[in-house]
Every structure is written in structure tokens, then in C-alpha cells.
Amino acid sequence: MGRRCYPRRVSWFPVCCCFRPEVLPPRGEVVMSIDELEALRLADVEGLYQEEGALSMGVSRSTFARMLRAARRKVAEALVMGKILHVEGGEVISVENSSVNRERGC
């Protein structure tokens, strides 16, 4: 049995939680967690290095790298394969009010 997953700090929640291709019907779906999206946002939108992103989220650099790799793979899979991309779930702590949001769906 693995270790318990501790909540990750997130300072931004998505406004839109589902992206659909124009292809009808879609060829499946991919689910990305909120913490994976936060890692993607910090690295690719904010331009932070992995060390800085990990510090911001309260995780190790290697954990941040794993989340980032998973998020990039899921986005690429959705774009290339014409799949729906859902952003939902994950155990995160909102940095603004430090409340824990467990399995928060959008």
C-alpha cells in the first residue's frame, strides 16, 4: 500500500472544466485533475521552473515533474486523438482561504 496523498496547494481554479473537439462524436475522454492543471499552468503559462512550481504547490520537485508530465500527456492525447478533456477531482487546498476541497468537480 502506498503513502496517503496529501492535499496540494492550488491558487487558481478553472473557469471551464470541459473542452470538446468539434468532431462528432468525440473519440473518448481524458480526465485531468485540478492539481495537474495547476502544475501545467505554473510551468507553461506562468513560466516557473519546476523547483519554483513545486514550492508554490507544496510538493517535491519530482512530484511536480510527474504531475506536469501527466498533464502534458493528457492534453496531447485529447488534442491528437479528438477526445473530450475534463478537469475534475483531486485533493487540493485553496491558497486563498486554505480550505480543503476533496474531489472537487467543476
N, C-alpha and C. Protein backbone atom coordinates (compact mmCIF):
# COMPACT_ATOMS: atom_id res chain seq x y z
N MET A 1 0.85 -1.17 0.00
CA MET A 1 0.00 0.00 0.00
C MET A 1 0.89 1.24 0.00
N GLY A 2 0.53 2.22 -0.81
CA GLY A 2 1.31 3.45 -0.92
C GLY A 2 0.98 4.45 0.18
N ARG A 3 1.73 5.51 0.19
CA ARG A 3 1.50 6.58 1.16
C ARG A 3 0.22 7.32 0.87
N ARG A 4 -0.32 7.95 1.89
CA ARG A 4 -1.51 8.79 1.74
C ARG A 4 -1.14 10.01 0.90
N CYS A 5 -2.05 10.41 0.01
CA CYS A 5 -1.82 11.58 -0.83
C CYS A 5 -2.23 12.82 -0.06
N TYR A 6 -1.30 13.73 0.15
CA TYR A 6 -1.59 14.96 0.87
C TYR A 6 -2.15 16.00 -0.10
N PRO A 7 -3.04 16.86 0.38
CA PRO A 7 -3.60 17.90 -0.49
C PRO A 7 -2.50 18.80 -1.06
N ARG A 8 -2.66 19.20 -2.31
CA ARG A 8 -1.72 20.10 -2.97
C ARG A 8 -2.28 21.50 -2.95
N ARG A 9 -1.43 22.50 -2.81
CA ARG A 9 -1.88 23.90 -2.79
C ARG A 9 -2.14 24.38 -4.21
N VAL A 10 -3.31 24.96 -4.40
CA VAL A 10 -3.72 25.48 -5.70
C VAL A 10 -4.19 26.91 -5.51
N SER A 11 -3.69 27.81 -6.35
CA SER A 11 -4.07 29.22 -6.22
C SER A 11 -5.04 29.66 -7.30
N TRP A 12 -5.46 28.73 -8.17
CA TRP A 12 -6.34 29.08 -9.28
C TRP A 12 -7.19 27.87 -9.62
N PHE A 13 -8.48 28.10 -9.83
CA PHE A 13 -9.39 27.02 -10.25
C PHE A 13 -9.92 27.35 -11.64
N PRO A 14 -10.09 26.34 -12.48
CA PRO A 14 -10.51 26.59 -13.86
C PRO A 14 -11.93 27.14 -13.94
N VAL A 15 -12.15 28.01 -14.90
CA VAL A 15 -13.48 28.55 -15.16
C VAL A 15 -14.26 27.56 -16.01
N CYS A 16 -13.60 26.97 -16.96
CA CYS A 16 -14.21 25.99 -17.85
C CYS A 16 -13.59 24.63 -17.55
N CYS A 17 -14.39 23.63 -17.30
CA CYS A 17 -13.87 22.33 -16.89
C CYS A 17 -14.02 21.23 -17.94
N CYS A 18 -14.49 21.59 -19.12
CA CYS A 18 -14.66 20.59 -20.16
C CYS A 18 -14.34 21.22 -21.51
N PHE A 19 -13.50 20.56 -22.26
CA PHE A 19 -13.15 21.01 -23.61
C PHE A 19 -13.51 19.88 -24.57
N ARG A 20 -14.29 20.22 -25.58
CA ARG A 20 -14.78 19.23 -26.53
C ARG A 20 -14.25 19.54 -27.93
N PRO A 21 -13.86 18.51 -28.66
CA PRO A 21 -13.48 18.71 -30.06
C PRO A 21 -14.73 18.94 -30.91
N GLU A 22 -14.56 19.55 -32.05
CA GLU A 22 -15.69 19.76 -32.95
C GLU A 22 -16.08 18.49 -33.68
N VAL A 23 -15.23 17.48 -33.63
CA VAL A 23 -15.52 16.20 -34.28
C VAL A 23 -16.71 15.56 -33.56
N LEU A 24 -17.66 15.10 -34.33
CA LEU A 24 -18.81 14.41 -33.74
C LEU A 24 -18.83 12.99 -34.22
N PRO A 25 -18.97 12.02 -33.39
CA PRO A 25 -18.90 12.09 -31.94
C PRO A 25 -17.44 12.09 -31.48
N PRO A 26 -17.18 12.56 -30.25
CA PRO A 26 -15.80 12.53 -29.74
C PRO A 26 -15.31 11.09 -29.64
N ARG A 27 -14.03 10.93 -29.64
CA ARG A 27 -13.43 9.58 -29.63
C ARG A 27 -13.01 9.15 -28.24
N GLY A 28 -13.76 9.52 -27.23
CA GLY A 28 -13.45 9.15 -25.86
C GLY A 28 -13.23 10.39 -25.02
N GLU A 29 -12.71 10.18 -23.82
CA GLU A 29 -12.45 11.31 -22.95
C GLU A 29 -11.22 11.08 -22.10
N VAL A 30 -10.63 12.18 -21.65
CA VAL A 30 -9.46 12.17 -20.80
C VAL A 30 -9.80 13.02 -19.58
N VAL A 31 -9.46 12.53 -18.38
CA VAL A 31 -9.74 13.27 -17.15
C VAL A 31 -8.42 13.74 -16.55
N MET A 32 -8.33 15.06 -16.34
CA MET A 32 -7.16 15.67 -15.73
C MET A 32 -7.59 16.22 -14.36
N SER A 33 -6.76 15.99 -13.35
CA SER A 33 -7.09 16.51 -12.02
C SER A 33 -6.72 17.99 -11.92
N ILE A 34 -7.31 18.65 -10.93
CA ILE A 34 -7.07 20.08 -10.75
C ILE A 34 -5.61 20.35 -10.43
N ASP A 35 -4.96 19.48 -9.66
CA ASP A 35 -3.55 19.71 -9.33
C ASP A 35 -2.66 19.53 -10.56
N GLU A 36 -3.02 18.64 -11.47
CA GLU A 36 -2.26 18.51 -12.71
C GLU A 36 -2.40 19.77 -13.57
N LEU A 37 -3.61 20.32 -13.61
CA LEU A 37 -3.82 21.55 -14.36
C LEU A 37 -3.04 22.71 -13.74
N GLU A 38 -2.98 22.75 -12.41
CA GLU A 38 -2.22 23.80 -11.73
C GLU A 38 -0.73 23.69 -12.06
N ALA A 39 -0.20 22.47 -12.10
CA ALA A 39 1.21 22.27 -12.47
C ALA A 39 1.45 22.75 -13.90
N LEU A 40 0.53 22.43 -14.81
CA LEU A 40 0.63 22.87 -16.19
C LEU A 40 0.58 24.40 -16.29
N ARG A 41 -0.31 25.01 -15.53
CA ARG A 41 -0.44 26.47 -15.53
C ARG A 41 0.83 27.14 -15.01
N LEU A 42 1.35 26.64 -13.90
CA LEU A 42 2.55 27.25 -13.31
C LEU A 42 3.76 27.14 -14.24
N ALA A 43 3.92 25.97 -14.85
CA ALA A 43 5.10 25.76 -15.71
C ALA A 43 4.96 26.43 -17.07
N ASP A 44 3.82 26.25 -17.73
CA ASP A 44 3.71 26.68 -19.12
C ASP A 44 3.06 28.05 -19.32
N VAL A 45 2.21 28.48 -18.40
CA VAL A 45 1.59 29.80 -18.53
C VAL A 45 2.38 30.84 -17.74
N GLU A 46 2.69 30.51 -16.48
CA GLU A 46 3.44 31.45 -15.64
C GLU A 46 4.94 31.41 -15.92
N GLY A 47 5.42 30.33 -16.53
CA GLY A 47 6.83 30.23 -16.88
C GLY A 47 7.74 29.91 -15.70
N LEU A 48 7.21 29.28 -14.66
CA LEU A 48 8.03 28.94 -13.50
C LEU A 48 8.86 27.69 -13.77
N TYR A 49 10.03 27.62 -13.18
CA TYR A 49 10.83 26.41 -13.21
C TYR A 49 10.19 25.39 -12.29
N GLN A 50 10.55 24.11 -12.47
CA GLN A 50 9.93 23.06 -11.67
C GLN A 50 10.13 23.27 -10.18
N GLU A 51 11.28 23.72 -9.79
CA GLU A 51 11.56 23.96 -8.36
C GLU A 51 10.62 25.02 -7.80
N GLU A 52 10.41 26.10 -8.55
CA GLU A 52 9.52 27.18 -8.11
C GLU A 52 8.07 26.72 -8.08
N GLY A 53 7.65 25.96 -9.09
CA GLY A 53 6.29 25.44 -9.13
C GLY A 53 6.03 24.47 -7.99
N ALA A 54 7.00 23.63 -7.70
CA ALA A 54 6.86 22.68 -6.60
C ALA A 54 6.72 23.41 -5.27
N LEU A 55 7.50 24.45 -5.08
CA LEU A 55 7.42 25.24 -3.86
C LEU A 55 6.06 25.90 -3.74
N SER A 56 5.54 26.41 -4.83
CA SER A 56 4.23 27.06 -4.84
C SER A 56 3.11 26.09 -4.47
N MET A 57 3.23 24.84 -4.92
CA MET A 57 2.19 23.85 -4.66
C MET A 57 2.42 23.05 -3.38
N GLY A 58 3.58 23.21 -2.77
CA GLY A 58 3.86 22.49 -1.54
C GLY A 58 4.17 21.02 -1.74
N VAL A 59 4.82 20.70 -2.87
CA VAL A 59 5.20 19.32 -3.17
C VAL A 59 6.68 19.28 -3.52
N SER A 60 7.22 18.08 -3.64
CA SER A 60 8.63 17.95 -4.04
C SER A 60 8.76 18.24 -5.53
N ARG A 61 9.99 18.51 -5.97
CA ARG A 61 10.22 18.80 -7.38
C ARG A 61 9.89 17.59 -8.24
N SER A 62 10.21 16.39 -7.74
CA SER A 62 9.92 15.19 -8.53
C SER A 62 8.42 14.94 -8.64
N THR A 63 7.65 15.23 -7.60
CA THR A 63 6.20 15.10 -7.66
C THR A 63 5.63 16.10 -8.65
N PHE A 64 6.14 17.33 -8.62
CA PHE A 64 5.70 18.36 -9.57
C PHE A 64 6.00 17.91 -10.99
N ALA A 65 7.18 17.35 -11.22
CA ALA A 65 7.56 16.88 -12.55
C ALA A 65 6.62 15.77 -13.02
N ARG A 66 6.24 14.85 -12.14
CA ARG A 66 5.30 13.78 -12.50
C ARG A 66 3.93 14.33 -12.86
N MET A 67 3.44 15.30 -12.07
CA MET A 67 2.13 15.91 -12.36
C MET A 67 2.18 16.64 -13.70
N LEU A 68 3.26 17.36 -13.95
CA LEU A 68 3.41 18.12 -15.19
C LEU A 68 3.48 17.18 -16.39
N ARG A 69 4.23 16.09 -16.27
CA ARG A 69 4.35 15.11 -17.36
C ARG A 69 2.98 14.49 -17.65
N ALA A 70 2.23 14.14 -16.60
CA ALA A 70 0.90 13.55 -16.78
C ALA A 70 -0.06 14.54 -17.44
N ALA A 71 -0.01 15.81 -17.02
CA ALA A 71 -0.89 16.83 -17.58
C ALA A 71 -0.59 17.06 -19.05
N ARG A 72 0.67 17.16 -19.40
CA ARG A 72 1.04 17.37 -20.80
C ARG A 72 0.63 16.20 -21.67
N ARG A 73 0.80 14.98 -21.16
CA ARG A 73 0.40 13.79 -21.90
C ARG A 73 -1.10 13.78 -22.14
N LYS A 74 -1.88 14.15 -21.13
CA LYS A 74 -3.34 14.15 -21.26
C LYS A 74 -3.82 15.22 -22.23
N VAL A 75 -3.23 16.40 -22.19
CA VAL A 75 -3.61 17.44 -23.15
C VAL A 75 -3.26 17.01 -24.56
N ALA A 76 -2.08 16.46 -24.75
CA ALA A 76 -1.66 16.00 -26.08
C ALA A 76 -2.58 14.88 -26.58
N GLU A 77 -2.93 13.96 -25.71
CA GLU A 77 -3.82 12.86 -26.10
C GLU A 77 -5.19 13.39 -26.53
N ALA A 78 -5.73 14.34 -25.77
CA ALA A 78 -7.03 14.91 -26.12
C ALA A 78 -6.98 15.63 -27.46
N LEU A 79 -5.92 16.39 -27.70
CA LEU A 79 -5.81 17.15 -28.95
C LEU A 79 -5.58 16.23 -30.16
N VAL A 80 -4.67 15.30 -30.02
CA VAL A 80 -4.29 14.45 -31.15
C VAL A 80 -5.37 13.42 -31.48
N MET A 81 -5.99 12.86 -30.45
CA MET A 81 -6.96 11.79 -30.66
C MET A 81 -8.41 12.28 -30.76
N GLY A 82 -8.65 13.58 -30.60
CA GLY A 82 -10.01 14.12 -30.69
C GLY A 82 -10.89 13.71 -29.53
N LYS A 83 -10.32 13.71 -28.32
CA LYS A 83 -11.06 13.29 -27.13
C LYS A 83 -11.52 14.51 -26.33
N ILE A 84 -12.55 14.30 -25.51
CA ILE A 84 -13.02 15.33 -24.58
C ILE A 84 -12.01 15.41 -23.44
N LEU A 85 -11.70 16.62 -22.97
CA LEU A 85 -10.81 16.82 -21.83
C LEU A 85 -11.63 17.37 -20.68
N HIS A 86 -11.73 16.58 -19.60
CA HIS A 86 -12.44 17.00 -18.39
C HIS A 86 -11.40 17.35 -17.32
N VAL A 87 -11.63 18.45 -16.61
CA VAL A 87 -10.79 18.81 -15.47
C VAL A 87 -11.65 18.67 -14.24
N GLU A 88 -11.30 17.72 -13.38
CA GLU A 88 -12.10 17.47 -12.19
C GLU A 88 -11.32 16.64 -11.19
N GLY A 89 -11.71 16.74 -9.94
CA GLY A 89 -11.18 15.89 -8.90
C GLY A 89 -9.81 16.30 -8.38
N GLY A 90 -9.34 15.51 -7.46
CA GLY A 90 -8.07 15.77 -6.81
C GLY A 90 -8.28 16.33 -5.42
N GLU A 91 -7.32 16.13 -4.58
CA GLU A 91 -7.39 16.64 -3.22
C GLU A 91 -6.47 17.85 -3.14
N VAL A 92 -7.08 19.03 -3.10
CA VAL A 92 -6.31 20.26 -3.16
C VAL A 92 -6.71 21.21 -2.04
N ILE A 93 -5.81 22.13 -1.73
CA ILE A 93 -6.07 23.18 -0.76
C ILE A 93 -6.03 24.51 -1.51
N SER A 94 -7.09 25.28 -1.38
CA SER A 94 -7.12 26.60 -1.99
C SER A 94 -6.22 27.52 -1.19
N VAL A 95 -5.26 28.16 -1.84
CA VAL A 95 -4.30 29.03 -1.16
C VAL A 95 -4.98 30.26 -0.58
N GLU A 96 -6.03 30.77 -1.26
CA GLU A 96 -6.70 31.99 -0.81
C GLU A 96 -7.29 31.84 0.59
N ASN A 97 -8.03 30.74 0.81
CA ASN A 97 -8.68 30.59 2.10
C ASN A 97 -8.26 29.34 2.85
N SER A 98 -7.29 28.61 2.33
CA SER A 98 -6.73 27.41 2.95
C SER A 98 -7.78 26.36 3.28
N SER A 99 -8.85 26.29 2.55
CA SER A 99 -9.84 25.24 2.77
C SER A 99 -9.50 24.05 1.89
N VAL A 100 -9.79 22.87 2.38
CA VAL A 100 -9.51 21.66 1.63
C VAL A 100 -10.71 21.36 0.76
N ASN A 101 -10.48 21.14 -0.52
CA ASN A 101 -11.52 20.77 -1.46
C ASN A 101 -11.23 19.35 -1.92
N ARG A 102 -11.93 18.38 -1.41
CA ARG A 102 -11.69 16.99 -1.78
C ARG A 102 -12.57 16.62 -2.97
N GLU A 103 -11.93 16.04 -3.97
CA GLU A 103 -12.63 15.59 -5.16
C GLU A 103 -13.54 16.68 -5.69
N ARG A 104 -13.06 17.89 -5.74
CA ARG A 104 -13.86 18.99 -6.22
C ARG A 104 -14.10 18.85 -7.72
N GLY A 105 -15.33 18.75 -8.10
CA GLY A 105 -15.68 18.71 -9.51
C GLY A 105 -16.02 20.11 -9.97
N CYS A 106 -16.07 20.31 -11.26
CA CYS A 106 -16.38 21.65 -11.78
C CYS A 106 -17.80 21.73 -12.24
